[in-house]
Amino acid sequence: MSPAAIDKEVHCLHHILSAIDTPAVFCRVTELVDRNRIRRKERLILKEASHYRLRPFRFLLNLN
């Protein structure tokens, strides 16, 4: 592939992923397990995801 074709592919992929990879979509497909509770509140999920390391007994689960 030519460099121009590769650049065009990268641009198209970036456009597609930027529409899908948003905080709202992340919160919709993730739940927070906090010791004995399962939480789905967007604010709490984003707050925990912003930590470099999750606090003890907190887990982010993907809802695949």
N, C-alpha and C. Protein backbone atom coordinates (compact mmCIF):
# COMPACT_ATOMS: atom_id res chain seq x y z
N MET A 1 0.83 -1.19 0.00
CA MET A 1 0.00 0.00 0.00
C MET A 1 0.88 1.25 0.00
N SER A 2 0.38 2.24 -0.65
CA SER A 2 1.12 3.50 -0.69
C SER A 2 0.91 4.27 0.62
N PRO A 3 1.82 5.18 0.94
CA PRO A 3 1.65 5.97 2.16
C PRO A 3 0.35 6.78 2.19
N ALA A 4 -0.10 7.23 1.05
CA ALA A 4 -1.35 7.99 1.00
C ALA A 4 -2.55 7.09 1.33
N ALA A 5 -2.52 5.86 0.84
CA ALA A 5 -3.62 4.92 1.12
C ALA A 5 -3.63 4.55 2.60
N ILE A 6 -2.46 4.35 3.17
CA ILE A 6 -2.37 4.03 4.60
C ILE A 6 -2.88 5.20 5.43
N ASP A 7 -2.50 6.41 5.05
CA ASP A 7 -2.96 7.60 5.76
C ASP A 7 -4.47 7.74 5.69
N LYS A 8 -5.05 7.43 4.53
CA LYS A 8 -6.50 7.50 4.37
C LYS A 8 -7.20 6.45 5.25
N GLU A 9 -6.65 5.24 5.32
CA GLU A 9 -7.21 4.17 6.16
C GLU A 9 -7.16 4.57 7.63
N VAL A 10 -6.04 5.13 8.07
CA VAL A 10 -5.89 5.56 9.46
C VAL A 10 -6.90 6.65 9.78
N HIS A 11 -7.08 7.57 8.88
CA HIS A 11 -8.04 8.65 9.08
C HIS A 11 -9.46 8.10 9.20
N CYS A 12 -9.84 7.15 8.35
CA CYS A 12 -11.17 6.55 8.40
C CYS A 12 -11.37 5.77 9.70
N LEU A 13 -10.36 5.01 10.11
CA LEU A 13 -10.46 4.26 11.36
C LEU A 13 -10.59 5.19 12.56
N HIS A 14 -9.84 6.29 12.54
CA HIS A 14 -9.94 7.26 13.63
C HIS A 14 -11.34 7.84 13.71
N HIS A 15 -11.93 8.13 12.57
CA HIS A 15 -13.28 8.68 12.52
C HIS A 15 -14.29 7.68 13.09
N ILE A 16 -14.16 6.41 12.74
CA ILE A 16 -15.08 5.38 13.23
C ILE A 16 -14.92 5.19 14.74
N LEU A 17 -13.68 5.07 15.20
CA LEU A 17 -13.44 4.82 16.62
C LEU A 17 -13.80 6.00 17.51
N SER A 18 -13.65 7.20 17.01
CA SER A 18 -13.99 8.37 17.82
C SER A 18 -15.49 8.45 18.09
N ALA A 19 -16.30 7.89 17.20
CA ALA A 19 -17.74 7.88 17.41
C ALA A 19 -18.17 6.79 18.40
N ILE A 20 -17.38 5.73 18.49
CA ILE A 20 -17.73 4.59 19.34
C ILE A 20 -17.09 4.70 20.71
N ASP A 21 -15.87 5.17 20.78
CA ASP A 21 -15.09 5.18 22.02
C ASP A 21 -15.35 6.47 22.80
N THR A 22 -16.50 6.53 23.47
CA THR A 22 -16.87 7.69 24.27
C THR A 22 -17.12 7.25 25.71
N PRO A 23 -17.07 8.16 26.66
CA PRO A 23 -17.36 7.77 28.05
C PRO A 23 -18.76 7.18 28.25
N ALA A 24 -19.74 7.68 27.52
CA ALA A 24 -21.10 7.16 27.67
C ALA A 24 -21.18 5.70 27.23
N VAL A 25 -20.54 5.37 26.12
CA VAL A 25 -20.53 3.99 25.64
C VAL A 25 -19.74 3.10 26.59
N PHE A 26 -18.62 3.60 27.10
CA PHE A 26 -17.82 2.85 28.06
C PHE A 26 -18.65 2.50 29.29
N CYS A 27 -19.42 3.45 29.79
CA CYS A 27 -20.24 3.21 30.98
C CYS A 27 -21.40 2.27 30.70
N ARG A 28 -21.90 2.28 29.48
CA ARG A 28 -22.99 1.40 29.12
C ARG A 28 -22.56 -0.06 29.08
N VAL A 29 -21.30 -0.32 28.75
CA VAL A 29 -20.83 -1.71 28.61
C VAL A 29 -19.95 -2.14 29.78
N THR A 30 -19.89 -1.34 30.85
CA THR A 30 -19.06 -1.65 32.00
C THR A 30 -19.89 -1.51 33.27
N GLU A 31 -19.61 -2.40 34.23
CA GLU A 31 -20.22 -2.23 35.54
C GLU A 31 -19.14 -2.29 36.60
N LEU A 32 -19.38 -1.63 37.71
CA LEU A 32 -18.43 -1.54 38.80
C LEU A 32 -18.89 -2.47 39.92
N VAL A 33 -18.01 -3.39 40.31
CA VAL A 33 -18.29 -4.26 41.45
C VAL A 33 -17.55 -3.67 42.63
N ASP A 34 -18.29 -3.30 43.65
CA ASP A 34 -17.75 -2.65 44.85
C ASP A 34 -18.08 -3.54 46.04
N ARG A 35 -17.16 -4.40 46.41
CA ARG A 35 -17.35 -5.39 47.49
C ARG A 35 -18.58 -6.23 47.24
N ASN A 36 -19.70 -5.85 47.78
CA ASN A 36 -20.91 -6.68 47.67
C ASN A 36 -21.97 -6.07 46.75
N ARG A 37 -21.66 -4.98 46.10
CA ARG A 37 -22.64 -4.29 45.25
C ARG A 37 -22.17 -4.23 43.81
N ILE A 38 -23.12 -4.24 42.91
CA ILE A 38 -22.84 -4.02 41.50
C ILE A 38 -23.47 -2.69 41.14
N ARG A 39 -22.65 -1.79 40.64
CA ARG A 39 -23.13 -0.44 40.33
C ARG A 39 -23.01 -0.17 38.84
N ARG A 40 -23.97 0.59 38.33
CA ARG A 40 -23.97 0.96 36.91
C ARG A 40 -24.06 2.46 36.71
N LYS A 41 -23.88 3.24 37.76
CA LYS A 41 -23.97 4.70 37.64
C LYS A 41 -22.74 5.22 36.90
N GLU A 42 -23.01 6.03 35.89
CA GLU A 42 -21.95 6.54 35.02
C GLU A 42 -20.90 7.32 35.80
N ARG A 43 -21.34 8.15 36.73
CA ARG A 43 -20.41 8.98 37.51
C ARG A 43 -19.44 8.12 38.30
N LEU A 44 -19.94 7.06 38.95
CA LEU A 44 -19.09 6.20 39.75
C LEU A 44 -18.11 5.39 38.90
N ILE A 45 -18.58 4.91 37.77
CA ILE A 45 -17.72 4.13 36.87
C ILE A 45 -16.58 4.98 36.35
N LEU A 46 -16.89 6.20 35.91
CA LEU A 46 -15.84 7.08 35.38
C LEU A 46 -14.87 7.51 36.48
N LYS A 47 -15.37 7.71 37.69
CA LYS A 47 -14.50 8.09 38.80
C LYS A 47 -13.51 6.97 39.10
N GLU A 48 -13.98 5.74 39.15
CA GLU A 48 -13.09 4.60 39.44
C GLU A 48 -12.14 4.35 38.27
N ALA A 49 -12.60 4.52 37.06
CA ALA A 49 -11.75 4.28 35.89
C ALA A 49 -10.65 5.32 35.78
N SER A 50 -10.82 6.47 36.40
CA SER A 50 -9.81 7.51 36.30
C SER A 50 -8.61 7.25 37.22
N HIS A 51 -8.76 6.36 38.19
CA HIS A 51 -7.64 6.02 39.07
C HIS A 51 -6.60 5.21 38.30
N TYR A 52 -5.33 5.45 38.62
CA TYR A 52 -4.26 4.67 37.97
C TYR A 52 -4.41 3.20 38.35
N ARG A 53 -4.63 2.95 39.62
CA ARG A 53 -4.92 1.60 40.12
C ARG A 53 -6.27 1.67 40.83
N LEU A 54 -7.08 0.66 40.62
CA LEU A 54 -8.36 0.63 41.31
C LEU A 54 -8.14 0.44 42.81
N ARG A 55 -9.04 0.99 43.58
CA ARG A 55 -8.94 0.82 45.02
C ARG A 55 -9.22 -0.65 45.37
N PRO A 56 -8.84 -1.08 46.55
CA PRO A 56 -9.05 -2.49 46.93
C PRO A 56 -10.53 -2.89 46.86
N PHE A 57 -10.75 -4.09 46.38
CA PHE A 57 -12.08 -4.70 46.28
C PHE A 57 -13.02 -3.94 45.34
N ARG A 58 -12.47 -3.29 44.34
CA ARG A 58 -13.27 -2.63 43.30
C ARG A 58 -12.83 -3.23 41.97
N PHE A 59 -13.79 -3.63 41.16
CA PHE A 59 -13.49 -4.27 39.88
C PHE A 59 -14.37 -3.68 38.80
N LEU A 60 -13.79 -3.43 37.64
CA LEU A 60 -14.54 -3.00 36.47
C LEU A 60 -14.74 -4.22 35.58
N LEU A 61 -15.99 -4.54 35.31
CA LEU A 61 -16.32 -5.71 34.50
C LEU A 61 -16.94 -5.27 33.19
N ASN A 62 -16.46 -5.86 32.10
CA ASN A 62 -17.02 -5.60 30.78
C ASN A 62 -18.20 -6.54 30.56
N LEU A 63 -19.28 -6.02 30.05
CA LEU A 63 -20.51 -6.80 29.88
C LEU A 63 -20.58 -7.46 28.49
N ASN A 64 -19.57 -8.18 28.13
CA ASN A 64 -19.58 -8.88 26.83
C ASN A 64 -20.57 -10.00 26.83
